[in-house]
């Protein structure tokens, strides 16, 4: 239907997560309309990221050196590790400015439907860090969905016998939300994770 080069661009954009055929087509035609310098800048940014960005040898977060900035920071608490699914989860937690420990990025979650089991995740690497780094607490910050819950339960079963304190982030109602619009699971979690009110 389109010229071969245009169709190839649409096809490649369509392979990106969250980009359907219509979005791929829209992005492709946007790129064709912008000045060549803008398109080349995007291409250069992608090439540069692929050449320079690696995964941290310790926690598997994205880095431009063998160790990421968080692992290299001596002010971080080395005894507490926050276990997340993806590098973008690290950014979300860091934005809160509430956490001062280190991280471990699993690079995914257990998902039998997609053929992802514990062996495809960075679980063995997490276990290998516990004794040498003196880790005493693992905070399981996987997503509150079926895959995230399965991953958290699997990790808890592995980590608790090692004498670690294993905690899970609380989940429940968003600030500013209304009870009447909350689903049963979210409301149940909010009740389960309740805490004492300071008077």
N, C-alpha and C. Protein backbone atom coordinates (compact mmCIF):
# COMPACT_ATOMS: atom_id res chain seq x y z
N UNK A 1 0.83 -1.20 0.00
CA UNK A 1 0.00 0.00 0.00
C UNK A 1 0.87 1.26 0.00
N UNK A 2 1.84 1.35 0.95
CA UNK A 2 2.75 2.49 1.00
C UNK A 2 4.04 2.13 0.28
N UNK A 3 4.86 3.15 0.05
CA UNK A 3 6.19 2.90 -0.49
C UNK A 3 6.93 1.96 0.47
N UNK A 4 7.82 1.13 -0.04
CA UNK A 4 8.48 0.10 0.76
C UNK A 4 9.16 0.67 2.01
N UNK A 5 9.84 1.81 1.87
CA UNK A 5 10.56 2.41 3.01
C UNK A 5 9.59 2.87 4.09
N UNK A 6 8.45 3.40 3.68
CA UNK A 6 7.43 3.88 4.63
C UNK A 6 6.82 2.68 5.35
N UNK A 7 6.48 1.64 4.59
CA UNK A 7 5.88 0.44 5.20
C UNK A 7 6.85 -0.22 6.19
N UNK A 8 8.13 -0.22 5.85
CA UNK A 8 9.14 -0.80 6.74
C UNK A 8 9.22 0.00 8.05
N UNK A 9 9.15 1.33 7.95
CA UNK A 9 9.16 2.19 9.13
C UNK A 9 7.94 1.92 10.00
N UNK A 10 6.76 1.82 9.38
CA UNK A 10 5.52 1.52 10.11
C UNK A 10 5.64 0.17 10.80
N UNK A 11 6.15 -0.83 10.08
CA UNK A 11 6.29 -2.18 10.65
C UNK A 11 7.22 -2.19 11.86
N UNK A 12 8.35 -1.48 11.76
CA UNK A 12 9.31 -1.43 12.88
C UNK A 12 8.74 -0.69 14.08
N UNK A 13 8.04 0.41 13.84
CA UNK A 13 7.40 1.15 14.94
C UNK A 13 6.32 0.30 15.60
N UNK A 14 5.61 -0.48 14.80
CA UNK A 14 4.55 -1.35 15.30
C UNK A 14 5.05 -2.47 16.20
N UNK A 15 6.34 -2.76 16.14
CA UNK A 15 6.92 -3.79 17.01
C UNK A 15 7.20 -3.28 18.42
N UNK A 16 7.13 -1.96 18.61
CA UNK A 16 7.37 -1.38 19.93
C UNK A 16 6.18 -1.68 20.86
N UNK A 17 6.44 -1.89 22.17
CA UNK A 17 5.34 -2.18 23.08
C UNK A 17 4.38 -1.01 23.20
N UNK A 18 3.09 -1.31 23.17
CA UNK A 18 2.08 -0.27 23.33
C UNK A 18 1.77 0.51 22.06
N UNK A 19 2.45 0.17 20.97
CA UNK A 19 2.21 0.88 19.69
C UNK A 19 1.45 -0.06 18.76
N UNK A 20 0.19 0.27 18.51
CA UNK A 20 -0.61 -0.52 17.59
C UNK A 20 -0.40 -0.04 16.16
N UNK A 21 -1.07 -0.68 15.20
CA UNK A 21 -0.90 -0.31 13.78
C UNK A 21 -1.21 1.15 13.47
N UNK A 22 -2.30 1.68 14.07
CA UNK A 22 -2.69 3.07 13.81
C UNK A 22 -1.65 4.04 14.39
N UNK A 23 -1.19 3.77 15.62
CA UNK A 23 -0.18 4.63 16.24
C UNK A 23 1.12 4.58 15.44
N UNK A 24 1.50 3.40 15.00
CA UNK A 24 2.74 3.24 14.21
C UNK A 24 2.64 4.07 12.93
N UNK A 25 1.49 4.03 12.31
CA UNK A 25 1.27 4.81 11.08
C UNK A 25 1.37 6.31 11.37
N UNK A 26 0.73 6.76 12.46
CA UNK A 26 0.75 8.17 12.84
C UNK A 26 2.17 8.65 13.12
N UNK A 27 2.93 7.85 13.88
CA UNK A 27 4.31 8.22 14.23
C UNK A 27 5.17 8.26 12.97
N UNK A 28 5.00 7.27 12.09
CA UNK A 28 5.78 7.22 10.85
C UNK A 28 5.55 8.48 10.01
N UNK A 29 4.29 8.86 9.84
CA UNK A 29 4.01 10.05 9.02
C UNK A 29 4.45 11.34 9.73
N UNK A 30 4.43 11.33 11.05
CA UNK A 30 4.97 12.48 11.80
C UNK A 30 6.46 12.61 11.51
N UNK A 31 7.18 11.50 11.58
CA UNK A 31 8.62 11.52 11.34
C UNK A 31 8.95 11.95 9.91
N UNK A 32 8.08 11.60 8.97
CA UNK A 32 8.31 12.01 7.58
C UNK A 32 8.07 13.51 7.39
N UNK A 33 7.20 14.09 8.22
CA UNK A 33 6.88 15.52 8.10
C UNK A 33 7.89 16.43 8.77
N UNK A 34 8.50 15.98 9.88
CA UNK A 34 9.43 16.84 10.61
C UNK A 34 10.70 17.05 9.82
N UNK A 35 11.46 18.12 10.12
CA UNK A 35 12.74 18.33 9.42
C UNK A 35 13.67 17.13 9.61
N UNK A 36 14.50 16.88 8.63
CA UNK A 36 15.41 15.75 8.67
C UNK A 36 16.29 15.78 9.92
N UNK A 37 16.64 16.98 10.38
CA UNK A 37 17.51 17.10 11.57
C UNK A 37 16.83 16.52 12.81
N UNK A 38 15.50 16.69 12.93
CA UNK A 38 14.76 16.14 14.08
C UNK A 38 14.75 14.61 14.04
N UNK A 39 14.49 14.06 12.86
CA UNK A 39 14.47 12.60 12.70
C UNK A 39 15.86 12.01 12.95
N UNK A 40 16.90 12.69 12.47
CA UNK A 40 18.27 12.20 12.66
C UNK A 40 18.68 12.29 14.13
N UNK A 41 18.18 13.31 14.84
CA UNK A 41 18.48 13.45 16.26
C UNK A 41 17.86 12.28 17.04
N UNK A 42 16.64 11.90 16.67
CA UNK A 42 15.98 10.74 17.30
C UNK A 42 16.78 9.47 17.00
N UNK A 43 17.16 9.29 15.75
CA UNK A 43 17.94 8.10 15.36
C UNK A 43 19.27 8.05 16.12
N UNK A 44 19.91 9.21 16.28
CA UNK A 44 21.19 9.28 16.99
C UNK A 44 21.01 8.95 18.48
N UNK A 45 19.90 9.43 19.08
CA UNK A 45 19.63 9.16 20.49
C UNK A 45 19.42 7.66 20.72
N UNK A 46 18.72 7.00 19.80
CA UNK A 46 18.50 5.55 19.91
C UNK A 46 19.82 4.81 19.77
N UNK A 47 20.63 5.19 18.78
CA UNK A 47 21.93 4.54 18.56
C UNK A 47 22.84 4.74 19.76
N UNK A 48 22.88 5.96 20.27
CA UNK A 48 23.74 6.27 21.41
C UNK A 48 23.32 5.48 22.66
N UNK A 49 22.02 5.39 22.89
CA UNK A 49 21.51 4.63 24.05
C UNK A 49 21.90 3.16 23.93
N UNK A 50 21.76 2.59 22.73
CA UNK A 50 22.11 1.18 22.53
C UNK A 50 23.61 0.95 22.70
N UNK A 51 24.43 1.92 22.35
CA UNK A 51 25.88 1.78 22.46
C UNK A 51 26.39 2.00 23.88
N UNK A 52 25.79 2.95 24.61
CA UNK A 52 26.34 3.36 25.91
C UNK A 52 25.67 2.75 27.13
N UNK A 53 24.39 2.42 27.02
CA UNK A 53 23.66 1.94 28.20
C UNK A 53 23.83 0.43 28.36
N UNK A 54 24.17 0.04 29.60
CA UNK A 54 24.32 -1.37 29.96
C UNK A 54 23.48 -1.61 31.22
N UNK A 55 23.45 -2.83 31.69
CA UNK A 55 22.78 -3.12 32.95
C UNK A 55 23.83 -3.20 34.04
N UNK A 56 23.53 -2.59 35.18
CA UNK A 56 24.43 -2.59 36.34
C UNK A 56 24.78 -4.03 36.70
N UNK A 57 26.06 -4.27 36.94
CA UNK A 57 26.52 -5.61 37.27
C UNK A 57 26.02 -6.12 38.61
N UNK A 58 25.53 -5.23 39.46
CA UNK A 58 25.06 -5.63 40.79
C UNK A 58 23.54 -5.75 40.83
N UNK A 59 22.84 -4.68 40.44
CA UNK A 59 21.38 -4.65 40.63
C UNK A 59 20.57 -4.78 39.34
N UNK A 60 21.22 -4.67 38.18
CA UNK A 60 20.59 -4.80 36.87
C UNK A 60 19.68 -3.63 36.50
N UNK A 61 19.94 -2.47 37.13
CA UNK A 61 19.31 -1.23 36.71
C UNK A 61 20.08 -0.74 35.47
N UNK A 62 19.54 0.20 34.73
CA UNK A 62 20.28 0.75 33.60
C UNK A 62 21.42 1.63 34.10
N UNK A 63 22.52 1.59 33.38
CA UNK A 63 23.71 2.35 33.79
C UNK A 63 24.57 2.64 32.56
N UNK A 64 25.48 3.60 32.73
CA UNK A 64 26.46 3.89 31.69
C UNK A 64 27.86 3.49 32.14
N UNK A 65 27.92 2.75 33.24
CA UNK A 65 29.19 2.26 33.79
C UNK A 65 28.91 0.84 34.32
N UNK A 66 29.95 0.11 34.73
CA UNK A 66 29.71 -1.24 35.24
C UNK A 66 28.76 -1.28 36.44
N UNK A 67 28.69 -0.15 37.21
CA UNK A 67 27.79 -0.07 38.36
C UNK A 67 26.95 1.19 38.22
N UNK A 68 25.66 1.09 38.54
CA UNK A 68 24.78 2.26 38.42
C UNK A 68 25.08 3.27 39.53
N UNK A 69 24.56 4.48 39.39
CA UNK A 69 24.79 5.56 40.36
C UNK A 69 24.28 5.20 41.75
N UNK A 70 23.17 4.48 41.83
CA UNK A 70 22.59 4.13 43.13
C UNK A 70 23.50 3.13 43.87
N UNK A 71 23.95 2.10 43.17
CA UNK A 71 24.84 1.11 43.80
C UNK A 71 26.18 1.74 44.19
N UNK A 72 26.62 2.72 43.41
CA UNK A 72 27.91 3.36 43.67
C UNK A 72 27.84 4.42 44.77
N UNK A 73 26.64 4.78 45.19
CA UNK A 73 26.47 5.83 46.20
C UNK A 73 26.69 5.27 47.61
N UNK A 74 27.74 5.69 48.30
CA UNK A 74 28.03 5.15 49.64
C UNK A 74 27.02 5.58 50.70
N UNK A 75 26.19 6.58 50.40
CA UNK A 75 25.18 7.05 51.36
C UNK A 75 23.95 6.14 51.41
N UNK A 76 23.81 5.24 50.43
CA UNK A 76 22.66 4.34 50.41
C UNK A 76 22.85 3.23 51.43
N UNK A 77 21.75 2.78 52.04
CA UNK A 77 21.80 1.69 53.02
C UNK A 77 22.00 0.37 52.28
N UNK A 78 23.15 -0.28 52.45
CA UNK A 78 23.42 -1.52 51.71
C UNK A 78 22.70 -2.74 52.26
N UNK A 79 22.06 -2.62 53.42
CA UNK A 79 21.42 -3.76 54.06
C UNK A 79 19.96 -3.95 53.67
N UNK A 80 19.39 -2.97 52.96
CA UNK A 80 18.00 -3.05 52.53
C UNK A 80 17.97 -3.01 51.00
N UNK A 81 17.26 -3.98 50.42
CA UNK A 81 17.17 -4.03 48.96
C UNK A 81 15.69 -4.03 48.56
N UNK A 82 15.37 -3.17 47.63
CA UNK A 82 14.02 -3.06 47.10
C UNK A 82 13.99 -3.82 45.78
N UNK A 83 13.18 -4.87 45.71
CA UNK A 83 13.13 -5.72 44.53
C UNK A 83 12.00 -5.24 43.62
N UNK A 84 12.36 -4.86 42.38
CA UNK A 84 11.38 -4.35 41.42
C UNK A 84 11.44 -5.16 40.13
N UNK A 85 10.44 -4.98 39.28
CA UNK A 85 10.39 -5.74 38.03
C UNK A 85 11.26 -5.12 36.94
N UNK A 86 11.19 -3.81 36.77
CA UNK A 86 11.85 -3.15 35.65
C UNK A 86 12.61 -1.90 36.10
N UNK A 87 13.60 -1.45 35.31
CA UNK A 87 14.33 -0.22 35.67
C UNK A 87 13.42 1.00 35.84
N UNK A 88 12.34 1.07 35.10
CA UNK A 88 11.43 2.24 35.24
C UNK A 88 10.78 2.27 36.63
N UNK A 89 10.68 1.10 37.29
CA UNK A 89 10.13 1.06 38.65
C UNK A 89 11.07 1.73 39.64
N UNK A 90 12.38 1.64 39.39
CA UNK A 90 13.38 2.30 40.24
C UNK A 90 13.13 3.81 40.20
N UNK A 91 12.91 4.33 38.99
CA UNK A 91 12.67 5.77 38.82
C UNK A 91 11.42 6.19 39.59
N UNK A 92 10.36 5.38 39.51
CA UNK A 92 9.11 5.71 40.21
C UNK A 92 9.33 5.78 41.72
N UNK A 93 10.07 4.84 42.27
CA UNK A 93 10.32 4.82 43.71
C UNK A 93 11.25 5.96 44.11
N UNK A 94 12.26 6.23 43.30
CA UNK A 94 13.20 7.31 43.60
C UNK A 94 12.49 8.66 43.64
N UNK A 95 11.46 8.83 42.81
CA UNK A 95 10.72 10.09 42.78
C UNK A 95 10.05 10.40 44.11
N UNK A 96 9.74 9.37 44.89
CA UNK A 96 9.09 9.59 46.18
C UNK A 96 10.05 10.21 47.21
N UNK A 97 11.35 10.02 47.01
CA UNK A 97 12.39 10.48 47.94
C UNK A 97 12.19 9.92 49.34
N UNK A 98 11.56 8.74 49.44
CA UNK A 98 11.29 8.10 50.73
C UNK A 98 12.21 6.92 50.99
N UNK A 99 12.89 6.43 49.97
CA UNK A 99 13.67 5.21 50.10
C UNK A 99 15.15 5.49 49.95
N UNK A 100 15.97 4.97 50.88
CA UNK A 100 17.41 5.24 50.84
C UNK A 100 18.26 3.97 50.76
N UNK A 101 17.66 2.85 50.43
CA UNK A 101 18.41 1.60 50.29
C UNK A 101 18.85 1.38 48.85
N UNK A 102 19.16 0.14 48.54
CA UNK A 102 19.56 -0.23 47.18
C UNK A 102 18.43 -1.00 46.51
N UNK A 103 18.64 -1.36 45.24
CA UNK A 103 17.62 -2.03 44.45
C UNK A 103 18.13 -3.34 43.88
N UNK A 104 17.16 -4.14 43.42
CA UNK A 104 17.47 -5.29 42.57
C UNK A 104 16.38 -5.36 41.52
N UNK A 105 16.76 -5.29 40.25
CA UNK A 105 15.80 -5.29 39.15
C UNK A 105 15.72 -6.70 38.57
N UNK A 106 14.55 -7.30 38.64
CA UNK A 106 14.37 -8.68 38.18
C UNK A 106 14.37 -8.82 36.65
N UNK A 107 14.13 -7.72 35.96
CA UNK A 107 14.00 -7.72 34.49
C UNK A 107 12.75 -8.48 34.05
N UNK A 108 11.67 -8.31 34.80
CA UNK A 108 10.40 -8.92 34.43
C UNK A 108 9.69 -9.51 35.64
N UNK A 109 8.66 -10.30 35.35
CA UNK A 109 7.88 -10.97 36.40
C UNK A 109 7.50 -12.36 35.90
N UNK A 110 7.23 -13.26 36.83
CA UNK A 110 6.83 -14.62 36.46
C UNK A 110 5.51 -14.55 35.70
N UNK A 111 5.51 -15.13 34.50
CA UNK A 111 4.31 -15.13 33.67
C UNK A 111 4.28 -16.40 32.82
N UNK A 112 3.64 -17.46 33.34
CA UNK A 112 3.59 -18.72 32.60
C UNK A 112 2.99 -18.57 31.20
N UNK A 113 2.03 -17.66 31.04
CA UNK A 113 1.39 -17.44 29.73
C UNK A 113 2.42 -16.99 28.70
N UNK A 114 3.36 -16.14 29.13
CA UNK A 114 4.40 -15.65 28.23
C UNK A 114 5.66 -16.52 28.27
N UNK A 115 5.60 -17.61 29.02
CA UNK A 115 6.74 -18.51 29.11
C UNK A 115 7.89 -17.97 29.95
N UNK A 116 7.58 -17.05 30.88
CA UNK A 116 8.62 -16.48 31.75
C UNK A 116 8.52 -17.12 33.13
N UNK A 117 9.54 -17.87 33.47
CA UNK A 117 9.63 -18.49 34.78
C UNK A 117 10.74 -17.84 35.59
N UNK A 118 10.96 -18.28 36.80
CA UNK A 118 12.01 -17.70 37.66
C UNK A 118 13.40 -17.74 37.02
N UNK A 119 13.65 -18.76 36.19
CA UNK A 119 14.97 -18.89 35.55
C UNK A 119 15.26 -17.78 34.55
N UNK A 120 14.22 -17.15 34.02
CA UNK A 120 14.42 -16.06 33.07
C UNK A 120 14.60 -14.71 33.77
N UNK A 121 14.40 -14.68 35.08
CA UNK A 121 14.53 -13.45 35.85
C UNK A 121 15.86 -13.46 36.60
N UNK A 122 16.22 -12.33 37.18
CA UNK A 122 17.49 -12.19 37.91
C UNK A 122 17.31 -12.60 39.38
N UNK A 123 16.73 -13.78 39.60
CA UNK A 123 16.48 -14.28 40.95
C UNK A 123 17.77 -14.85 41.55
N UNK A 124 18.49 -15.67 40.79
CA UNK A 124 19.74 -16.27 41.29
C UNK A 124 20.73 -15.17 41.67
N UNK A 125 20.75 -14.09 40.89
CA UNK A 125 21.64 -12.96 41.16
C UNK A 125 21.26 -12.25 42.45
N UNK A 126 19.95 -12.19 42.74
CA UNK A 126 19.49 -11.60 44.00
C UNK A 126 19.97 -12.45 45.18
N UNK A 127 19.78 -13.75 45.08
CA UNK A 127 20.20 -14.66 46.15
C UNK A 127 21.70 -14.58 46.38
N UNK A 128 22.46 -14.41 45.30
CA UNK A 128 23.92 -14.33 45.41
C UNK A 128 24.38 -13.06 46.11
N UNK A 129 23.56 -12.03 46.16
CA UNK A 129 23.91 -10.75 46.80
C UNK A 129 23.71 -10.76 48.31
N UNK A 130 22.82 -11.59 48.82
CA UNK A 130 22.38 -11.50 50.21
C UNK A 130 23.52 -11.59 51.22
N UNK A 131 24.28 -12.67 51.18
CA UNK A 131 25.34 -12.84 52.18
C UNK A 131 26.50 -11.87 52.00
N UNK A 132 27.07 -11.74 50.78
CA UNK A 132 28.22 -10.83 50.62
C UNK A 132 27.91 -9.37 50.96
N UNK A 133 26.68 -8.93 50.70
CA UNK A 133 26.31 -7.53 50.95
C UNK A 133 25.67 -7.33 52.32
N UNK A 134 25.45 -8.40 53.06
CA UNK A 134 24.85 -8.29 54.40
C UNK A 134 23.43 -7.78 54.36
N UNK A 135 22.67 -8.18 53.35
CA UNK A 135 21.28 -7.72 53.22
C UNK A 135 20.43 -8.33 54.33
N UNK A 136 19.67 -7.48 55.02
CA UNK A 136 18.82 -7.93 56.12
C UNK A 136 17.33 -7.80 55.83
N UNK A 137 16.98 -6.96 54.83
CA UNK A 137 15.56 -6.80 54.47
C UNK A 137 15.41 -6.72 52.96
N UNK A 138 14.40 -7.43 52.47
CA UNK A 138 14.02 -7.34 51.06
C UNK A 138 12.60 -6.80 50.99
N UNK A 139 12.44 -5.67 50.30
CA UNK A 139 11.11 -5.07 50.11
C UNK A 139 10.65 -5.49 48.72
N UNK A 140 9.58 -6.25 48.65
CA UNK A 140 9.08 -6.74 47.37
C UNK A 140 8.14 -5.70 46.76
N UNK A 141 8.61 -5.03 45.72
CA UNK A 141 7.85 -3.96 45.07
C UNK A 141 7.45 -4.36 43.66
N UNK A 142 6.94 -5.57 43.51
CA UNK A 142 6.44 -6.00 42.21
C UNK A 142 5.05 -5.41 42.01
N UNK A 143 4.60 -5.40 40.78
CA UNK A 143 3.31 -4.78 40.47
C UNK A 143 2.15 -5.53 41.13
N UNK A 144 1.07 -4.82 41.50
CA UNK A 144 -0.07 -5.47 42.14
C UNK A 144 -1.01 -6.11 41.11
N UNK A 145 -0.46 -6.99 40.28
CA UNK A 145 -1.26 -7.74 39.31
C UNK A 145 -0.94 -9.22 39.50
N UNK A 146 -1.53 -10.09 38.71
CA UNK A 146 -1.34 -11.54 38.89
C UNK A 146 0.13 -11.92 38.80
N UNK A 147 0.83 -11.41 37.79
CA UNK A 147 2.25 -11.74 37.60
C UNK A 147 3.10 -11.22 38.75
N UNK A 148 2.85 -9.98 39.15
CA UNK A 148 3.60 -9.37 40.25
C UNK A 148 3.38 -10.09 41.57
N UNK A 149 2.11 -10.47 41.83
CA UNK A 149 1.79 -11.19 43.07
C UNK A 149 2.46 -12.56 43.08
N UNK A 150 2.42 -13.26 41.95
CA UNK A 150 3.06 -14.58 41.86
C UNK A 150 4.56 -14.46 42.09
N UNK A 151 5.16 -13.43 41.52
CA UNK A 151 6.60 -13.20 41.68
C UNK A 151 6.94 -12.90 43.13
N UNK A 152 6.13 -12.05 43.78
CA UNK A 152 6.36 -11.69 45.19
C UNK A 152 6.23 -12.92 46.09
N UNK A 153 5.23 -13.75 45.84
CA UNK A 153 5.04 -14.95 46.65
C UNK A 153 6.21 -15.92 46.47
N UNK A 154 6.66 -16.08 45.24
CA UNK A 154 7.79 -16.97 44.95
C UNK A 154 9.04 -16.47 45.68
N UNK A 155 9.30 -15.17 45.59
CA UNK A 155 10.49 -14.60 46.25
C UNK A 155 10.39 -14.71 47.77
N UNK A 156 9.22 -14.47 48.31
CA UNK A 156 9.04 -14.56 49.76
C UNK A 156 9.36 -15.97 50.24
N UNK A 157 8.91 -16.99 49.50
CA UNK A 157 9.19 -18.38 49.87
C UNK A 157 10.68 -18.69 49.82
N UNK A 158 11.40 -18.03 48.91
CA UNK A 158 12.85 -18.25 48.80
C UNK A 158 13.63 -17.50 49.88
N UNK A 159 13.20 -16.27 50.17
CA UNK A 159 13.98 -15.37 51.02
C UNK A 159 13.75 -15.55 52.52
N UNK A 160 12.51 -15.86 52.92
CA UNK A 160 12.20 -15.97 54.36
C UNK A 160 13.06 -17.02 55.07
N UNK A 161 13.27 -18.21 54.50
CA UNK A 161 14.10 -19.21 55.19
C UNK A 161 15.55 -18.76 55.37
N UNK A 162 15.97 -17.70 54.66
CA UNK A 162 17.34 -17.22 54.79
C UNK A 162 17.52 -16.25 55.96
N UNK A 163 16.44 -16.02 56.70
CA UNK A 163 16.50 -15.15 57.87
C UNK A 163 16.35 -13.67 57.57
N UNK A 164 15.92 -13.35 56.38
CA UNK A 164 15.71 -11.95 56.01
C UNK A 164 14.33 -11.48 56.47
N UNK A 165 14.21 -10.19 56.70
CA UNK A 165 12.89 -9.58 56.88
C UNK A 165 12.37 -9.35 55.47
N UNK A 166 11.24 -9.95 55.14
CA UNK A 166 10.67 -9.81 53.80
C UNK A 166 9.37 -9.03 53.93
N UNK A 167 9.31 -7.86 53.26
CA UNK A 167 8.13 -7.02 53.33
C UNK A 167 7.58 -6.79 51.92
N UNK A 168 6.33 -6.39 51.86
CA UNK A 168 5.66 -6.12 50.58
C UNK A 168 5.09 -4.72 50.66
N UNK A 169 5.20 -3.95 49.58
CA UNK A 169 4.62 -2.61 49.61
C UNK A 169 3.11 -2.72 49.81
N UNK A 170 2.57 -1.74 50.52
CA UNK A 170 1.13 -1.70 50.75
C UNK A 170 0.45 -1.32 49.44
N UNK A 171 -0.76 -1.79 49.27
CA UNK A 171 -1.53 -1.38 48.09
C UNK A 171 -2.94 -1.11 48.56
N UNK A 172 -3.61 -0.25 47.88
CA UNK A 172 -4.97 0.09 48.29
C UNK A 172 -5.50 1.27 47.52
N UNK A 173 -6.18 2.15 48.22
CA UNK A 173 -6.87 3.27 47.57
C UNK A 173 -5.92 4.42 47.24
N UNK A 174 -6.08 5.01 46.07
CA UNK A 174 -5.26 6.17 45.76
C UNK A 174 -5.74 7.40 46.53
N UNK A 175 -4.83 8.30 46.81
CA UNK A 175 -5.19 9.55 47.48
C UNK A 175 -6.14 10.32 46.56
N UNK A 176 -7.23 10.79 47.11
CA UNK A 176 -8.20 11.54 46.32
C UNK A 176 -9.26 10.66 45.68
N UNK A 177 -9.17 9.33 45.91
CA UNK A 177 -10.15 8.41 45.32
C UNK A 177 -11.40 8.31 46.16
N UNK A 178 -12.46 7.79 45.57
CA UNK A 178 -13.72 7.58 46.28
C UNK A 178 -13.93 6.10 46.53
N UNK A 179 -14.40 5.75 47.75
CA UNK A 179 -14.62 4.35 48.10
C UNK A 179 -15.59 3.66 47.14
N UNK A 180 -16.63 4.38 46.73
CA UNK A 180 -17.66 3.75 45.89
C UNK A 180 -17.12 3.28 44.54
N UNK A 181 -16.00 3.84 44.09
CA UNK A 181 -15.45 3.45 42.79
C UNK A 181 -14.34 2.40 42.90
N UNK A 182 -13.97 2.04 44.12
CA UNK A 182 -12.89 1.06 44.32
C UNK A 182 -13.42 -0.35 44.09
N UNK A 183 -12.62 -1.18 43.44
CA UNK A 183 -13.02 -2.58 43.26
C UNK A 183 -12.77 -3.33 44.57
N UNK A 184 -13.33 -4.55 44.66
CA UNK A 184 -13.27 -5.32 45.90
C UNK A 184 -11.84 -5.64 46.31
N UNK A 185 -10.99 -6.02 45.34
CA UNK A 185 -9.61 -6.41 45.65
C UNK A 185 -8.83 -5.23 46.22
N UNK A 186 -8.97 -4.06 45.59
CA UNK A 186 -8.27 -2.86 46.05
C UNK A 186 -8.73 -2.47 47.45
N UNK A 187 -10.04 -2.50 47.67
CA UNK A 187 -10.59 -2.15 48.98
C UNK A 187 -10.15 -3.16 50.04
N UNK A 188 -10.14 -4.43 49.67
CA UNK A 188 -9.68 -5.48 50.59
C UNK A 188 -8.22 -5.28 50.98
N UNK A 189 -7.39 -4.91 50.00
CA UNK A 189 -5.97 -4.66 50.27
C UNK A 189 -5.79 -3.45 51.18
N UNK A 190 -6.62 -2.43 50.95
CA UNK A 190 -6.53 -1.22 51.78
C UNK A 190 -6.86 -1.56 53.23
N UNK A 191 -7.86 -2.40 53.45
CA UNK A 191 -8.23 -2.80 54.81
C UNK A 191 -7.13 -3.65 55.43
N UNK A 192 -6.58 -4.57 54.63
CA UNK A 192 -5.52 -5.47 55.11
C UNK A 192 -4.26 -4.69 55.51
N UNK A 193 -3.96 -3.65 54.76
CA UNK A 193 -2.73 -2.87 55.00
C UNK A 193 -2.93 -1.69 55.93
N UNK A 194 -4.03 -1.69 56.68
CA UNK A 194 -4.31 -0.54 57.56
C UNK A 194 -3.25 -0.41 58.64
N UNK A 195 -3.08 0.81 59.15
CA UNK A 195 -2.10 1.03 60.22
C UNK A 195 -2.69 1.94 61.27
N UNK A 196 -2.03 1.99 62.42
CA UNK A 196 -2.51 2.80 63.54
C UNK A 196 -2.48 4.29 63.18
N UNK A 197 -3.45 5.01 63.69
CA UNK A 197 -3.52 6.45 63.49
C UNK A 197 -2.85 7.12 64.68
N UNK A 198 -1.91 7.99 64.38
CA UNK A 198 -1.23 8.74 65.45
C UNK A 198 -2.14 9.87 65.90
N UNK A 199 -2.42 9.95 67.22
CA UNK A 199 -3.32 10.98 67.73
C UNK A 199 -2.57 12.27 67.99
